[in-house]
Amino acid sequence: MSIHPWPHLLKRLKKGQCLLGLDVGSKTIGVAVSDPAFTQSSPLLTIERQKVSTDIATLAELAKERNCGGFIIGLPLNMDDSEGMAAKKVRAFAAQILEAKTTFTSEPHISFFDERLSTSVMQDFLTEQTDLRHKRRSEIIDKLAAHHILQSALEHYNKSK
């Protein structure tokens, strides 16, 4: 199994590889990408969910295109640190990624990172900082939430160095 505590996952990556950050929802998967130095994250895209095998194949292709060796997956914890149904679904999706390891160029490595309030933080930001219509905000919110998750993980790592 390739689930590692954050930031121990970084020791598993090859030089020059980056990370994909994921905000896994029931209808979409927001995706962000890190730089190879693990200092910055950029929002990448939002995947409309289909069959799990199709979703995983899309992630495998992105990982190959971007030379990504691992995933930081947002774990939606409750405010009391417990895991509810949403967290269980995210863990199940991560397990499905690992089961489909032959779909990937190399075995995927996964870490979870607390994503509490990441979507609402980005919704507040978009509401306060832009005049985007609701429809446009809903189109980009998931990739921005993935960016927030990944950037938070990177900042946590860089502070601890």
Protein backbone atom coordinates (compact mmCIF):
# COMPACT_ATOMS: atom_id res chain seq x y z
CA MET A 1 0.00 0.00 0.00
CA SER A 2 1.28 3.45 -0.84
CA ILE A 3 -0.49 5.75 1.57
CA HIS A 4 2.06 7.78 3.48
CA PRO A 5 1.84 10.41 6.19
CA TRP A 6 2.46 13.92 4.91
CA PRO A 7 5.25 14.94 4.13
CA HIS A 8 6.92 11.50 4.16
CA LEU A 9 5.43 10.91 0.73
CA LEU A 10 8.03 13.28 -0.74
CA LYS A 11 10.80 10.78 0.06
CA ARG A 12 9.12 8.34 -2.34
CA LEU A 13 9.23 10.66 -5.36
CA LYS A 14 11.92 10.73 -8.00
CA LYS A 15 13.91 13.90 -8.62
CA GLY A 16 11.94 16.33 -10.77
CA GLN A 17 8.54 14.86 -10.02
CA CYS A 18 5.70 17.01 -8.78
CA LEU A 19 2.43 16.39 -6.94
CA LEU A 20 -1.21 16.52 -7.91
CA GLY A 21 -3.60 17.93 -5.32
CA LEU A 22 -7.14 16.54 -5.38
CA ASP A 23 -10.42 17.81 -4.02
CA VAL A 24 -12.59 14.71 -4.47
CA GLY A 25 -16.32 15.30 -4.53
CA SER A 26 -19.29 13.23 -5.60
CA LYS A 27 -19.78 15.14 -8.88
CA THR A 28 -16.32 16.57 -9.61
CA ILE A 29 -12.64 16.23 -8.79
CA GLY A 30 -10.72 19.47 -8.50
CA VAL A 31 -7.08 19.12 -9.53
CA ALA A 32 -4.03 21.28 -8.80
CA VAL A 33 -0.35 20.71 -9.56
CA SER A 34 2.82 21.57 -7.64
CA ASP A 35 6.16 22.67 -8.97
CA PRO A 36 9.00 20.10 -8.64
CA ALA A 37 10.56 22.15 -5.81
CA PHE A 38 7.35 21.75 -3.76
CA THR A 39 6.97 25.46 -3.11
CA GLN A 40 3.93 26.45 -5.19
CA SER A 41 0.65 25.03 -6.33
CA SER A 42 -1.39 26.02 -9.36
CA PRO A 43 -5.04 25.21 -10.03
CA LEU A 44 -5.21 22.90 -13.03
CA LEU A 45 -8.69 21.68 -13.92
CA THR A 46 -11.96 20.22 -12.74
CA ILE A 47 -12.86 16.69 -13.79
CA GLU A 48 -16.55 15.88 -14.15
CA ARG A 49 -16.97 12.54 -12.36
CA GLN A 50 -17.87 9.52 -14.49
CA LYS A 51 -17.16 5.89 -13.75
CA VAL A 52 -14.40 5.42 -11.18
CA SER A 53 -12.23 3.64 -13.74
CA THR A 54 -12.59 6.60 -16.13
CA ASP A 55 -11.79 9.10 -13.36
CA ILE A 56 -8.68 7.15 -12.40
CA ALA A 57 -7.57 6.83 -16.03
CA THR A 58 -7.89 10.62 -16.37
CA LEU A 59 -5.78 11.12 -13.24
CA ALA A 60 -3.19 8.63 -14.51
CA GLU A 61 -2.91 10.52 -17.79
CA LEU A 62 -2.52 13.85 -15.94
CA ALA A 63 0.14 12.34 -13.68
CA LYS A 64 2.03 11.09 -16.73
CA GLU A 65 1.75 14.41 -18.62
CA ARG A 66 2.86 16.43 -15.60
CA ASN A 67 5.50 13.99 -14.29
CA CYS A 68 3.68 13.65 -10.98
CA GLY A 69 4.63 10.86 -8.63
CA GLY A 70 2.07 11.41 -5.91
CA PHE A 71 -1.27 12.77 -4.84
CA ILE A 72 -2.23 14.99 -1.94
CA ILE A 73 -5.89 14.24 -1.41
CA GLY A 74 -8.03 16.53 0.71
CA LEU A 75 -9.59 14.66 3.61
CA PRO A 76 -12.84 16.31 4.73
CA LEU A 77 -12.65 15.95 8.49
CA ASN A 78 -15.42 17.10 10.79
CA MET A 79 -14.75 20.08 13.03
CA ASP A 80 -14.14 17.70 15.96
CA ASP A 81 -11.43 15.86 13.92
CA SER A 82 -13.65 12.83 13.38
CA GLU A 83 -14.21 11.27 9.97
CA GLY A 84 -17.71 11.24 8.58
CA MET A 85 -19.19 9.72 5.45
CA ALA A 86 -17.43 12.18 3.13
CA ALA A 87 -14.01 11.22 4.53
CA LYS A 88 -14.85 7.53 4.16
CA LYS A 89 -15.75 8.12 0.50
CA VAL A 90 -12.45 9.92 -0.10
CA ARG A 91 -10.50 7.10 1.54
CA ALA A 92 -12.39 4.57 -0.61
CA PHE A 93 -11.49 6.55 -3.76
CA ALA A 94 -7.82 6.59 -2.71
CA ALA A 95 -7.97 2.81 -2.22
CA GLN A 96 -9.40 2.47 -5.73
CA ILE A 97 -6.47 4.51 -7.10
CA LEU A 98 -4.07 2.11 -5.41
CA GLU A 99 -5.96 -0.92 -6.72
CA ALA A 100 -5.60 0.49 -10.26
CA LYS A 101 -1.83 0.99 -9.93
CA THR A 102 -1.21 -0.69 -13.29
CA THR A 103 -3.06 2.23 -14.90
CA PHE A 104 -0.22 4.51 -13.76
CA THR A 105 3.30 4.74 -15.17
CA SER A 106 4.62 4.08 -11.67
CA GLU A 107 2.90 3.09 -8.45
CA PRO A 108 1.00 6.12 -7.14
CA HIS A 109 1.89 7.48 -3.71
CA ILE A 110 -0.84 9.16 -1.68
CA SER A 111 -1.01 11.42 1.35
CA PHE A 112 -4.11 12.89 2.89
CA PHE A 113 -4.27 16.49 4.06
CA ASP A 114 -6.97 18.09 6.18
CA GLU A 115 -9.22 19.99 3.82
CA ARG A 116 -11.68 21.37 6.32
CA LEU A 117 -13.31 24.48 4.97
CA SER A 118 -11.15 24.60 1.81
CA THR A 119 -14.15 24.98 -0.49
CA SER A 120 -15.80 27.60 1.71
CA VAL A 121 -12.52 29.55 1.99
CA MET A 122 -12.28 29.67 -1.79
CA GLN A 123 -15.99 30.52 -2.15
CA ASP A 124 -15.54 33.43 0.24
CA PHE A 125 -12.44 34.55 -1.66
CA LEU A 126 -14.23 34.46 -5.00
CA THR A 127 -17.24 36.29 -3.62
CA GLU A 128 -15.14 39.03 -2.00
CA GLN A 129 -12.43 39.45 -4.65
CA THR A 130 -14.25 39.00 -7.94
CA ASP A 131 -17.50 39.76 -9.62
CA LEU A 132 -17.82 36.32 -11.19
CA ARG A 133 -21.31 35.05 -11.75
CA HIS A 134 -22.43 32.07 -9.69
CA LYS A 135 -22.24 29.72 -12.70
CA ARG A 136 -18.61 30.67 -13.43
CA ARG A 137 -17.67 30.38 -9.73
CA SER A 138 -19.13 26.88 -9.58
CA GLU A 139 -17.06 25.93 -12.66
CA ILE A 140 -13.76 26.88 -11.01
CA ILE A 141 -14.34 26.37 -7.28
CA ASP A 142 -13.20 22.72 -7.21
CA LYS A 143 -9.83 23.31 -8.86
CA LEU A 144 -9.32 26.29 -6.54
CA ALA A 145 -10.16 24.12 -3.53
CA ALA A 146 -7.61 21.55 -4.77
CA HIS A 147 -5.08 24.38 -5.09
CA HIS A 148 -5.83 25.51 -1.52
CA ILE A 149 -5.37 21.95 -0.21
CA LEU A 150 -2.09 21.41 -2.05
CA GLN A 151 -0.71 24.87 -1.26
CA SER A 152 -1.55 24.40 2.43
CA ALA A 153 0.28 21.06 2.43
CA LEU A 154 3.31 22.61 0.72
CA GLU A 155 3.40 25.50 3.19
CA HIS A 156 3.17 23.03 6.09
CA TYR A 157 6.13 21.11 4.62
CA ASN A 158 8.24 24.20 3.94
CA LYS A 159 7.68 25.58 7.46
CA SER A 160 8.86 22.31 8.99
CA LYS A 161 12.12 22.11 7.00
